[in-house]
Amino acid sequence: MKEALFDQVAAHYDSWYDTELGSVSDQVERHLAQSMFKTPGTKVLEIGCGTGQYTNWLVQEGYEVTAVDISAEMMALAQKKLASLEGNVIKLRPEKHNHPD
């Protein structure tokens, strides 16, 4: 299996949220998500969960989350980040995909 595009940047991906633009984007995206999702407890399928930035937030907000990502490196970081969370069930699944040559 070939390396996924985001495998190369996984280790530094979350640092973007520390920038001014990243912080504003994070706030806007969370606000949009809150306006679209129903009440906490709802099941959410997060496709392209990356390092679990929003997965973590969704679980803390009370949603039951199943998260997938094509990048094994991003999924490893998400699993590490979310290992300490208690509460709603979190299902993390690395998405297996055979990239064309």
PDB file of N, CA and C in Angstrom:
ATOM      1  N   MET A   1       0.845  -1.174   0.000  1.00  0.00           N
ATOM      2  CA  MET A   1       0.000   0.000   0.000  1.00  0.00           C
ATOM      3  C   MET A   1       0.892   1.238   0.000  1.00  0.00           C
ATOM      4  N   LYS A   2       0.573   2.182  -0.834  1.00  0.00           N
ATOM      5  CA  LYS A   2       1.329   3.425  -0.914  1.00  0.00           C
ATOM      6  C   LYS A   2       1.004   4.346   0.254  1.00  0.00           C
ATOM      7  N   GLU A   3       1.909   5.267   0.492  1.00  0.00           N
ATOM      8  CA  GLU A   3       1.715   6.267   1.528  1.00  0.00           C
ATOM      9  C   GLU A   3       0.592   7.224   1.110  1.00  0.00           C
ATOM     10  N   ALA A   4      -0.296   7.546   2.048  1.00  0.00           N
ATOM     11  CA  ALA A   4      -1.373   8.499   1.782  1.00  0.00           C
ATOM     12  C   ALA A   4      -0.807   9.916   1.805  1.00  0.00           C
ATOM     13  N   LEU A   5      -1.447  10.824   1.119  1.00  0.00           N
ATOM     14  CA  LEU A   5      -0.988  12.203   0.989  1.00  0.00           C
ATOM     15  C   LEU A   5      -0.680  12.845   2.340  1.00  0.00           C
ATOM     16  N   PHE A   6      -1.552  12.700   3.306  1.00  0.00           N
ATOM     17  CA  PHE A   6      -1.373  13.375   4.588  1.00  0.00           C
ATOM     18  C   PHE A   6      -0.443  12.643   5.547  1.00  0.00           C
ATOM     19  N   ASP A   7       0.027  11.442   5.190  1.00  0.00           N
ATOM     20  CA  ASP A   7       0.990  10.751   6.040  1.00  0.00           C
ATOM     21  C   ASP A   7       2.233  11.618   6.247  1.00  0.00           C
ATOM     22  N   GLN A   8       2.615  12.354   5.223  1.00  0.00           N
ATOM     23  CA  GLN A   8       3.839  13.156   5.264  1.00  0.00           C
ATOM     24  C   GLN A   8       3.749  14.340   6.226  1.00  0.00           C
ATOM     25  N   VAL A   9       2.572  14.841   6.492  1.00  0.00           N
ATOM     26  CA  VAL A   9       2.415  16.039   7.331  1.00  0.00           C
ATOM     27  C   VAL A   9       1.725  15.741   8.664  1.00  0.00           C
ATOM     28  N   ALA A  10       1.431  14.488   8.922  1.00  0.00           N
ATOM     29  CA  ALA A  10       0.650  14.121  10.104  1.00  0.00           C
ATOM     30  C   ALA A  10       1.260  14.639  11.400  1.00  0.00           C
ATOM     31  N   ALA A  11       2.560  14.500  11.554  1.00  0.00           N
ATOM     32  CA  ALA A  11       3.218  14.873  12.812  1.00  0.00           C
ATOM     33  C   ALA A  11       3.058  16.354  13.150  1.00  0.00           C
ATOM     34  N   HIS A  12       2.901  17.196  12.130  1.00  0.00           N
ATOM     35  CA  HIS A  12       2.822  18.645  12.353  1.00  0.00           C
ATOM     36  C   HIS A  12       1.448  19.229  12.033  1.00  0.00           C
ATOM     37  N   TYR A  13       0.508  18.377  11.689  1.00  0.00           N
ATOM     38  CA  TYR A  13      -0.805  18.828  11.225  1.00  0.00           C
ATOM     39  C   TYR A  13      -1.529  19.708  12.244  1.00  0.00           C
ATOM     40  N   ASP A  14      -1.542  19.315  13.503  1.00  0.00           N
ATOM     41  CA  ASP A  14      -2.287  20.060  14.525  1.00  0.00           C
ATOM     42  C   ASP A  14      -1.714  21.436  14.824  1.00  0.00           C
ATOM     43  N   SER A  15      -0.453  21.660  14.495  1.00  0.00           N
ATOM     44  CA  SER A  15       0.148  22.970  14.772  1.00  0.00           C
ATOM     45  C   SER A  15      -0.519  24.081  13.964  1.00  0.00           C
ATOM     46  N   TRP A  16      -1.180  23.732  12.870  1.00  0.00           N
ATOM     47  CA  TRP A  16      -1.889  24.733  12.066  1.00  0.00           C
ATOM     48  C   TRP A  16      -2.987  25.408  12.886  1.00  0.00           C
ATOM     49  N   TYR A  17      -3.609  24.665  13.794  1.00  0.00           N
ATOM     50  CA  TYR A  17      -4.679  25.224  14.621  1.00  0.00           C
ATOM     51  C   TYR A  17      -4.161  26.276  15.602  1.00  0.00           C
ATOM     52  N   ASP A  18      -2.850  26.321  15.802  1.00  0.00           N
ATOM     53  CA  ASP A  18      -2.239  27.330  16.675  1.00  0.00           C
ATOM     54  C   ASP A  18      -1.996  28.657  15.960  1.00  0.00           C
ATOM     55  N   THR A  19      -2.153  28.661  14.642  1.00  0.00           N
ATOM     56  CA  THR A  19      -1.968  29.904  13.888  1.00  0.00           C
ATOM     57  C   THR A  19      -3.251  30.729  13.952  1.00  0.00           C
ATOM     58  N   GLU A  20      -3.157  31.996  13.599  1.00  0.00           N
ATOM     59  CA  GLU A  20      -4.335  32.865  13.626  1.00  0.00           C
ATOM     60  C   GLU A  20      -5.418  32.353  12.674  1.00  0.00           C
ATOM     61  N   LEU A  21      -5.026  32.030  11.451  1.00  0.00           N
ATOM     62  CA  LEU A  21      -5.987  31.523  10.465  1.00  0.00           C
ATOM     63  C   LEU A  21      -6.556  30.174  10.905  1.00  0.00           C
ATOM     64  N   GLY A  22      -5.713  29.304  11.421  1.00  0.00           N
ATOM     65  CA  GLY A  22      -6.176  28.000  11.888  1.00  0.00           C
ATOM     66  C   GLY A  22      -7.167  28.107  13.026  1.00  0.00           C
ATOM     67  N   SER A  23      -6.919  29.032  13.938  1.00  0.00           N
ATOM     68  CA  SER A  23      -7.812  29.241  15.080  1.00  0.00           C
ATOM     69  C   SER A  23      -9.178  29.756  14.629  1.00  0.00           C
ATOM     70  N   VAL A  24      -9.170  30.709  13.712  1.00  0.00           N
ATOM     71  CA  VAL A  24     -10.435  31.255  13.193  1.00  0.00           C
ATOM     72  C   VAL A  24     -11.191  30.183  12.410  1.00  0.00           C
ATOM     73  N   SER A  25     -10.488  29.428  11.576  1.00  0.00           N
ATOM     74  CA  SER A  25     -11.123  28.359  10.802  1.00  0.00           C
ATOM     75  C   SER A  25     -11.737  27.320  11.723  1.00  0.00           C
ATOM     76  N   ASP A  26     -11.032  26.983  12.793  1.00  0.00           N
ATOM     77  CA  ASP A  26     -11.519  26.017  13.759  1.00  0.00           C
ATOM     78  C   ASP A  26     -12.825  26.500  14.392  1.00  0.00           C
ATOM     79  N   GLN A  27     -12.876  27.755  14.785  1.00  0.00           N
ATOM     80  CA  GLN A  27     -14.082  28.317  15.393  1.00  0.00           C
ATOM     81  C   GLN A  27     -15.254  28.308  14.418  1.00  0.00           C
ATOM     82  N   VAL A  28     -14.995  28.688  13.176  1.00  0.00           N
ATOM     83  CA  VAL A  28     -16.055  28.718  12.154  1.00  0.00           C
ATOM     84  C   VAL A  28     -16.569  27.303  11.886  1.00  0.00           C
ATOM     85  N   GLU A  29     -15.661  26.349  11.731  1.00  0.00           N
ATOM     86  CA  GLU A  29     -16.072  24.980  11.438  1.00  0.00           C
ATOM     87  C   GLU A  29     -16.867  24.368  12.592  1.00  0.00           C
ATOM     88  N   ARG A  30     -16.472  24.650  13.820  1.00  0.00           N
ATOM     89  CA  ARG A  30     -17.217  24.130  14.970  1.00  0.00           C
ATOM     90  C   ARG A  30     -18.617  24.745  15.028  1.00  0.00           C
ATOM     91  N   HIS A  31     -18.711  26.045  14.750  1.00  0.00           N
ATOM     92  CA  HIS A  31     -20.011  26.710  14.743  1.00  0.00           C
ATOM     93  C   HIS A  31     -20.915  26.106  13.663  1.00  0.00           C
ATOM     94  N   LEU A  32     -20.364  25.877  12.477  1.00  0.00           N
ATOM     95  CA  LEU A  32     -21.147  25.263  11.400  1.00  0.00           C
ATOM     96  C   LEU A  32     -21.606  23.863  11.774  1.00  0.00           C
ATOM     97  N   ALA A  33     -20.709  23.096  12.374  1.00  0.00           N
ATOM     98  CA  ALA A  33     -21.068  21.736  12.780  1.00  0.00           C
ATOM     99  C   ALA A  33     -22.198  21.761  13.800  1.00  0.00           C
ATOM    100  N   GLN A  34     -22.108  22.652  14.780  1.00  0.00           N
ATOM    101  CA  GLN A  34     -23.158  22.752  15.794  1.00  0.00           C
ATOM    102  C   GLN A  34     -24.496  23.121  15.177  1.00  0.00           C
ATOM    103  N   SER A  35     -24.470  23.951  14.149  1.00  0.00           N
ATOM    104  CA  SER A  35     -25.728  24.367  13.533  1.00  0.00           C
ATOM    105  C   SER A  35     -26.344  23.261  12.674  1.00  0.00           C
ATOM    106  N   MET A  36     -25.538  22.322  12.204  1.00  0.00           N
ATOM    107  CA  MET A  36     -26.032  21.253  11.340  1.00  0.00           C
ATOM    108  C   MET A  36     -26.424  19.992  12.101  1.00  0.00           C
ATOM    109  N   PHE A  37     -25.737  19.701  13.185  1.00  0.00           N
ATOM    110  CA  PHE A  37     -25.980  18.458  13.900  1.00  0.00           C
ATOM    111  C   PHE A  37     -27.173  18.584  14.825  1.00  0.00           C
ATOM    112  N   LYS A  38     -27.816  17.455  15.024  1.00  0.00           N
ATOM    113  CA  LYS A  38     -28.940  17.413  15.953  1.00  0.00           C
ATOM    114  C   LYS A  38     -28.390  17.360  17.373  1.00  0.00           C
ATOM    115  N   THR A  39     -29.245  17.108  18.303  1.00  0.00           N
ATOM    116  CA  THR A  39     -28.850  17.113  19.712  1.00  0.00           C
ATOM    117  C   THR A  39     -27.752  16.098  20.000  1.00  0.00           C
ATOM    118  N   PRO A  40     -26.939  16.375  21.021  1.00  0.00           N
ATOM    119  CA  PRO A  40     -25.908  15.414  21.428  1.00  0.00           C
ATOM    120  C   PRO A  40     -26.515  14.039  21.671  1.00  0.00           C
ATOM    121  N   GLY A  41     -25.704  13.013  21.437  1.00  0.00           N
ATOM    122  CA  GLY A  41     -26.177  11.636  21.520  1.00  0.00           C
ATOM    123  C   GLY A  41     -26.386  11.066  20.135  1.00  0.00           C
ATOM    124  N   THR A  42     -26.494  11.941  19.162  1.00  0.00           N
ATOM    125  CA  THR A  42     -26.661  11.539  17.772  1.00  0.00           C
ATOM    126  C   THR A  42     -25.392  10.846  17.295  1.00  0.00           C
ATOM    127  N   LYS A  43     -25.546   9.871  16.427  1.00  0.00           N
ATOM    128  CA  LYS A  43     -24.394   9.188  15.845  1.00  0.00           C
ATOM    129  C   LYS A  43     -23.834  10.035  14.709  1.00  0.00           C
ATOM    130  N   VAL A  44     -22.514  10.131  14.660  1.00  0.00           N
ATOM    131  CA  VAL A  44     -21.835  10.916  13.632  1.00  0.00           C
ATOM    132  C   VAL A  44     -20.786  10.035  12.964  1.00  0.00           C
ATOM    133  N   LEU A  45     -20.772  10.018  11.643  1.00  0.00           N
ATOM    134  CA  LEU A  45     -19.718   9.367  10.873  1.00  0.00           C
ATOM    135  C   LEU A  45     -18.805  10.475  10.368  1.00  0.00           C
ATOM    136  N   GLU A  46     -17.581  10.463  10.837  1.00  0.00           N
ATOM    137  CA  GLU A  46     -16.615  11.485  10.431  1.00  0.00           C
ATOM    138  C   GLU A  46     -15.653  10.866   9.425  1.00  0.00           C
ATOM    139  N   ILE A  47     -15.788  11.253   8.181  1.00  0.00           N
ATOM    140  CA  ILE A  47     -14.935  10.737   7.112  1.00  0.00           C
ATOM    141  C   ILE A  47     -13.819  11.743   6.887  1.00  0.00           C
ATOM    142  N   GLY A  48     -12.596  11.270   7.002  1.00  0.00           N
ATOM    143  CA  GLY A  48     -11.442  12.161   6.892  1.00  0.00           C
ATOM    144  C   GLY A  48     -11.171  12.831   8.236  1.00  0.00           C
ATOM    145  N   CYS A  49     -11.118  12.030   9.286  1.00  0.00           N
ATOM    146  CA  CYS A  49     -10.997  12.581  10.647  1.00  0.00           C
ATOM    147  C   CYS A  49      -9.614  13.132  10.956  1.00  0.00           C
ATOM    148  N   GLY A  50      -8.637  12.843  10.124  1.00  0.00           N
ATOM    149  CA  GLY A  50      -7.290  13.370  10.374  1.00  0.00           C
ATOM    150  C   GLY A  50      -6.757  12.932  11.715  1.00  0.00           C
ATOM    151  N   THR A  51      -6.270  13.876  12.499  1.00  0.00           N
ATOM    152  CA  THR A  51      -5.672  13.578  13.795  1.00  0.00           C
ATOM    153  C   THR A  51      -6.701  13.519  14.918  1.00  0.00           C
ATOM    154  N   GLY A  52      -7.965  13.644  14.594  1.00  0.00           N
ATOM    155  CA  GLY A  52      -9.009  13.560  15.607  1.00  0.00           C
ATOM    156  C   GLY A  52      -9.363  14.881  16.259  1.00  0.00           C
ATOM    157  N   GLN A  53      -8.958  15.980  15.656  1.00  0.00           N
ATOM    158  CA  GLN A  53      -9.232  17.309  16.212  1.00  0.00           C
ATOM    159  C   GLN A  53     -10.738  17.502  16.466  1.00  0.00           C
ATOM    160  N   TYR A  54     -11.544  17.223  15.467  1.00  0.00           N
ATOM    161  CA  TYR A  54     -12.990  17.400  15.620  1.00  0.00           C
ATOM    162  C   TYR A  54     -13.632  16.177  16.258  1.00  0.00           C
ATOM    163  N   THR A  55     -13.041  15.011  16.079  1.00  0.00           N
ATOM    164  CA  THR A  55     -13.551  13.806  16.726  1.00  0.00           C
ATOM    165  C   THR A  55     -13.565  14.019  18.237  1.00  0.00           C
ATOM    166  N   ASN A  56     -12.462  14.504  18.746  1.00  0.00           N
ATOM    167  CA  ASN A  56     -12.309  14.788  20.166  1.00  0.00           C
ATOM    168  C   ASN A  56     -13.403  15.751  20.635  1.00  0.00           C
ATOM    169  N   TRP A  57     -13.580  16.817  19.914  1.00  0.00           N
ATOM    170  CA  TRP A  57     -14.586  17.824  20.264  1.00  0.00           C
ATOM    171  C   TRP A  57     -15.999  17.247  20.213  1.00  0.00           C
ATOM    172  N   LEU A  58     -16.304  16.489  19.159  1.00  0.00           N
ATOM    173  CA  LEU A  58     -17.639  15.906  19.018  1.00  0.00           C
ATOM    174  C   LEU A  58     -17.968  14.967  20.176  1.00  0.00           C
ATOM    175  N   VAL A  59     -17.003  14.157  20.560  1.00  0.00           N
ATOM    176  CA  VAL A  59     -17.230  13.235  21.679  1.00  0.00           C
ATOM    177  C   VAL A  59     -17.456  14.024  22.962  1.00  0.00           C
ATOM    178  N   GLN A  60     -16.671  15.052  23.185  1.00  0.00           N
ATOM    179  CA  GLN A  60     -16.845  15.871  24.385  1.00  0.00           C
ATOM    180  C   GLN A  60     -18.194  16.593  24.386  1.00  0.00           C
ATOM    181  N   GLU A  61     -18.727  16.859  23.201  1.00  0.00           N
ATOM    182  CA  GLU A  61     -20.041  17.497  23.087  1.00  0.00           C
ATOM    183  C   GLU A  61     -21.186  16.497  23.256  1.00  0.00           C
ATOM    184  N   GLY A  62     -20.866  15.194  23.325  1.00  0.00           N
ATOM    185  CA  GLY A  62     -21.889  14.187  23.580  1.00  0.00           C
ATOM    186  C   GLY A  62     -22.334  13.364  22.389  1.00  0.00           C
ATOM    187  N   TYR A  63     -21.637  13.465  21.264  1.00  0.00           N
ATOM    188  CA  TYR A  63     -21.996  12.688  20.081  1.00  0.00           C
ATOM    189  C   TYR A  63     -21.302  11.330  20.118  1.00  0.00           C
ATOM    190  N   GLU A  64     -21.929  10.343  19.494  1.00  0.00           N
ATOM    191  CA  GLU A  64     -21.321   9.025  19.331  1.00  0.00           C
ATOM    192  C   GLU A  64     -20.661   9.014  17.952  1.00  0.00           C
ATOM    193  N   VAL A  65     -19.349   8.884  17.935  1.00  0.00           N
ATOM    194  CA  VAL A  65     -18.594   9.119  16.708  1.00  0.00           C
ATOM    195  C   VAL A  65     -17.919   7.851  16.197  1.00  0.00           C
ATOM    196  N   THR A  66     -18.058   7.617  14.908  1.00  0.00           N
ATOM    197  CA  THR A  66     -17.243   6.649  14.186  1.00  0.00           C
ATOM    198  C   THR A  66     -16.395   7.473  13.229  1.00  0.00           C
ATOM    199  N   ALA A  67     -15.074   7.322  13.341  1.00  0.00           N
ATOM    200  CA  ALA A  67     -14.163   8.153  12.567  1.00  0.00           C
ATOM    201  C   ALA A  67     -13.263   7.295  11.682  1.00  0.00           C
ATOM    202  N   VAL A  68     -13.071   7.729  10.440  1.00  0.00           N
ATOM    203  CA  VAL A  68     -12.192   7.024   9.498  1.00  0.00           C
ATOM    204  C   VAL A  68     -11.295   8.025   8.789  1.00  0.00           C
ATOM    205  N   ASP A  69     -10.142   7.535   8.365  1.00  0.00           N
ATOM    206  CA  ASP A  69      -9.228   8.348   7.566  1.00  0.00           C
ATOM    207  C   ASP A  69      -8.369   7.416   6.727  1.00  0.00           C
ATOM    208  N   ILE A  70      -8.002   7.853   5.549  1.00  0.00           N
ATOM    209  CA  ILE A  70      -7.184   7.047   4.650  1.00  0.00           C
ATOM    210  C   ILE A  70      -5.720   7.023   5.087  1.00  0.00           C
ATOM    211  N   SER A  71      -5.296   8.012   5.853  1.00  0.00           N
ATOM    212  CA  SER A  71      -3.911   8.115   6.289  1.00  0.00           C
ATOM    213  C   SER A  71      -3.683   7.331   7.578  1.00  0.00           C
ATOM    214  N   ALA A  72      -2.837   6.327   7.511  1.00  0.00           N
ATOM    215  CA  ALA A  72      -2.518   5.531   8.696  1.00  0.00           C
ATOM    216  C   ALA A  72      -1.824   6.387   9.751  1.00  0.00           C
ATOM    217  N   GLU A  73      -0.998   7.323   9.325  1.00  0.00           N
ATOM    218  CA  GLU A  73      -0.286   8.200  10.262  1.00  0.00           C
ATOM    219  C   GLU A  73      -1.273   9.112  11.000  1.00  0.00           C
ATOM    220  N   MET A  74      -2.229   9.675  10.274  1.00  0.00           N
ATOM    221  CA  MET A  74      -3.237  10.531  10.901  1.00  0.00           C
ATOM    222  C   MET A  74      -4.086   9.712  11.870  1.00  0.00           C
ATOM    223  N   MET A  75      -4.481   8.510  11.476  1.00  0.00           N
ATOM    224  CA  MET A  75      -5.292   7.660  12.348  1.00  0.00           C
ATOM    225  C   MET A  75      -4.532   7.289  13.617  1.00  0.00           C
ATOM    226  N   ALA A  76      -3.239   7.025  13.505  1.00  0.00           N
ATOM    227  CA  ALA A  76      -2.443   6.690  14.683  1.00  0.00           C
ATOM    228  C   ALA A  76      -2.441   7.855  15.674  1.00  0.00           C
ATOM    229  N   LEU A  77      -2.324   9.076  15.157  1.00  0.00           N
ATOM    230  CA  LEU A  77      -2.363  10.257  16.026  1.00  0.00           C
ATOM    231  C   LEU A  77      -3.748  10.440  16.637  1.00  0.00           C
ATOM    232  N   ALA A  78      -4.791  10.192  15.858  1.00  0.00           N
ATOM    233  CA  ALA A  78      -6.157  10.300  16.376  1.00  0.00           C
ATOM    234  C   ALA A  78      -6.380   9.285  17.497  1.00  0.00           C
ATOM    235  N   GLN A  79      -5.934   8.061  17.292  1.00  0.00           N
ATOM    236  CA  GLN A  79      -6.109   7.032  18.305  1.00  0.00           C
ATOM    237  C   GLN A  79      -5.382   7.408  19.591  1.00  0.00           C
ATOM    238  N   LYS A  80      -4.195   7.936  19.455  1.00  0.00           N
ATOM    239  CA  LYS A  80      -3.423   8.358  20.630  1.00  0.00           C
ATOM    240  C   LYS A  80      -4.125   9.515  21.350  1.00  0.00           C
ATOM    241  N   LYS A  81      -4.593  10.482  20.576  1.00  0.00           N
ATOM    242  CA  LYS A  81      -5.270  11.656  21.140  1.00  0.00           C
ATOM    243  C   LYS A  81      -6.562  11.272  21.867  1.00  0.00           C
ATOM    244  N   LEU A  82      -7.285  10.306  21.322  1.00  0.00           N
ATOM    245  CA  LEU A  82      -8.602   9.971  21.840  1.00  0.00           C
ATOM    246  C   LEU A  82      -8.603   8.829  22.850  1.00  0.00           C
ATOM    247  N   ALA A  83      -7.455   8.235  23.097  1.00  0.00           N
ATOM    248  CA  ALA A  83      -7.368   7.081  23.991  1.00  0.00           C
ATOM    249  C   ALA A  83      -7.820   7.417  25.411  1.00  0.00           C
ATOM    250  N   SER A  84      -7.619   8.643  25.836  1.00  0.00           N
ATOM    251  CA  SER A  84      -7.946   9.009  27.213  1.00  0.00           C
ATOM    252  C   SER A  84      -9.389   9.477  27.402  1.00  0.00           C
ATOM    253  N   LEU A  85     -10.133   9.621  26.316  1.00  0.00           N
ATOM    254  CA  LEU A  85     -11.519  10.079  26.432  1.00  0.00           C
ATOM    255  C   LEU A  85     -12.416   8.987  26.988  1.00  0.00           C
ATOM    256  N   GLU A  86     -13.314   9.392  27.831  1.00  0.00           N
ATOM    257  CA  GLU A  86     -14.319   8.475  28.356  1.00  0.00           C
ATOM    258  C   GLU A  86     -15.681   8.968  27.882  1.00  0.00           C
ATOM    259  N   GLY A  87     -16.657   8.128  27.981  1.00  0.00           N
ATOM    260  CA  GLY A  87     -18.001   8.552  27.617  1.00  0.00           C
ATOM    261  C   GLY A  87     -18.492   7.816  26.400  1.00  0.00           C
ATOM    262  N   ASN A  88     -18.929   8.558  25.412  1.00  0.00           N
ATOM    263  CA  ASN A  88     -19.515   7.954  24.219  1.00  0.00           C
ATOM    264  C   ASN A  88     -18.514   7.061  23.502  1.00  0.00           C
ATOM    265  N   VAL A  89     -19.050   6.054  22.872  1.00  0.00           N
ATOM    266  CA  VAL A  89     -18.214   5.109  22.147  1.00  0.00           C
ATOM    267  C   VAL A  89     -17.556   5.817  20.970  1.00  0.00           C
ATOM    268  N   ILE A  90     -16.275   5.593  20.841  1.00  0.00           N
ATOM    269  CA  ILE A  90     -15.528   6.140  19.710  1.00  0.00           C
ATOM    270  C   ILE A  90     -15.001   4.950  18.931  1.00  0.00           C
ATOM    271  N   LYS A  91     -15.333   4.880  17.674  1.00  0.00           N
ATOM    272  CA  LYS A  91     -14.839   3.807  16.825  1.00  0.00           C
ATOM    273  C   LYS A  91     -13.907   4.440  15.809  1.00  0.00           C
ATOM    274  N   LEU A  92     -12.645   4.090  15.885  1.00  0.00           N
ATOM    275  CA  LEU A  92     -11.676   4.615  14.933  1.00  0.00           C
ATOM    276  C   LEU A  92     -11.299   3.504  13.975  1.00  0.00           C
ATOM    277  N   ARG A  93     -11.393   3.798  12.714  1.00  0.00           N
ATOM    278  CA  ARG A  93     -11.097   2.780  11.708  1.00  0.00           C
ATOM    279  C   ARG A  93     -10.168   3.342  10.647  1.00  0.00           C
ATOM    280  N   PRO A  94      -8.965   2.761  10.560  1.00  0.00           N
ATOM    281  CA  PRO A  94      -8.114   3.176   9.448  1.00  0.00           C
ATOM    282  C   PRO A  94      -8.734   2.669   8.153  1.00  0.00           C
ATOM    283  N   GLU A  95      -8.886   3.533   7.205  1.00  0.00           N
ATOM    284  CA  GLU A  95      -9.500   3.182   5.939  1.00  0.00           C
ATOM    285  C   GLU A  95      -8.441   2.546   5.053  1.00  0.00           C
ATOM    286  N   LYS A  96      -8.655   1.302   4.690  1.00  0.00           N
ATOM    287  CA  LYS A  96      -7.706   0.626   3.807  1.00  0.00           C
ATOM    288  C   LYS A  96      -8.090   0.927   2.367  1.00  0.00           C
ATOM    289  N   HIS A  97      -7.101   1.386   1.638  1.00  0.00           N
ATOM    290  CA  HIS A  97      -7.359   1.773   0.252  1.00  0.00           C
ATOM    291  C   HIS A  97      -6.128   1.466  -0.563  1.00  0.00           C
ATOM    292  N   ASN A  98      -6.295   0.780  -1.616  1.00  0.00           N
ATOM    293  CA  ASN A  98      -5.185   0.498  -2.522  1.00  0.00           C
ATOM    294  C   ASN A  98      -5.111   1.625  -3.540  1.00  0.00           C
ATOM    295  N   HIS A  99      -4.052   2.391  -3.461  1.00  0.00           N
ATOM    296  CA  HIS A  99      -3.872   3.494  -4.396  1.00  0.00           C
ATOM    297  C   HIS A  99      -3.439   2.956  -5.752  1.00  0.00           C
ATOM    298  N   PRO A 100      -3.934   3.514  -6.836  1.00  0.00           N
ATOM    299  CA  PRO A 100      -3.473   3.070  -8.153  1.00  0.00           C
ATOM    300  C   PRO A 100      -2.030   3.489  -8.367  1.00  0.00           C
ATOM    301  N   ASP A 101      -1.292   2.674  -9.072  1.00  0.00           N
ATOM    302  CA  ASP A 101       0.107   3.005  -9.367  1.00  0.00           C
ATOM    303  C   ASP A 101       0.226   4.119 -10.367  1.00  0.00           C
TER     304      ASP A 101
END
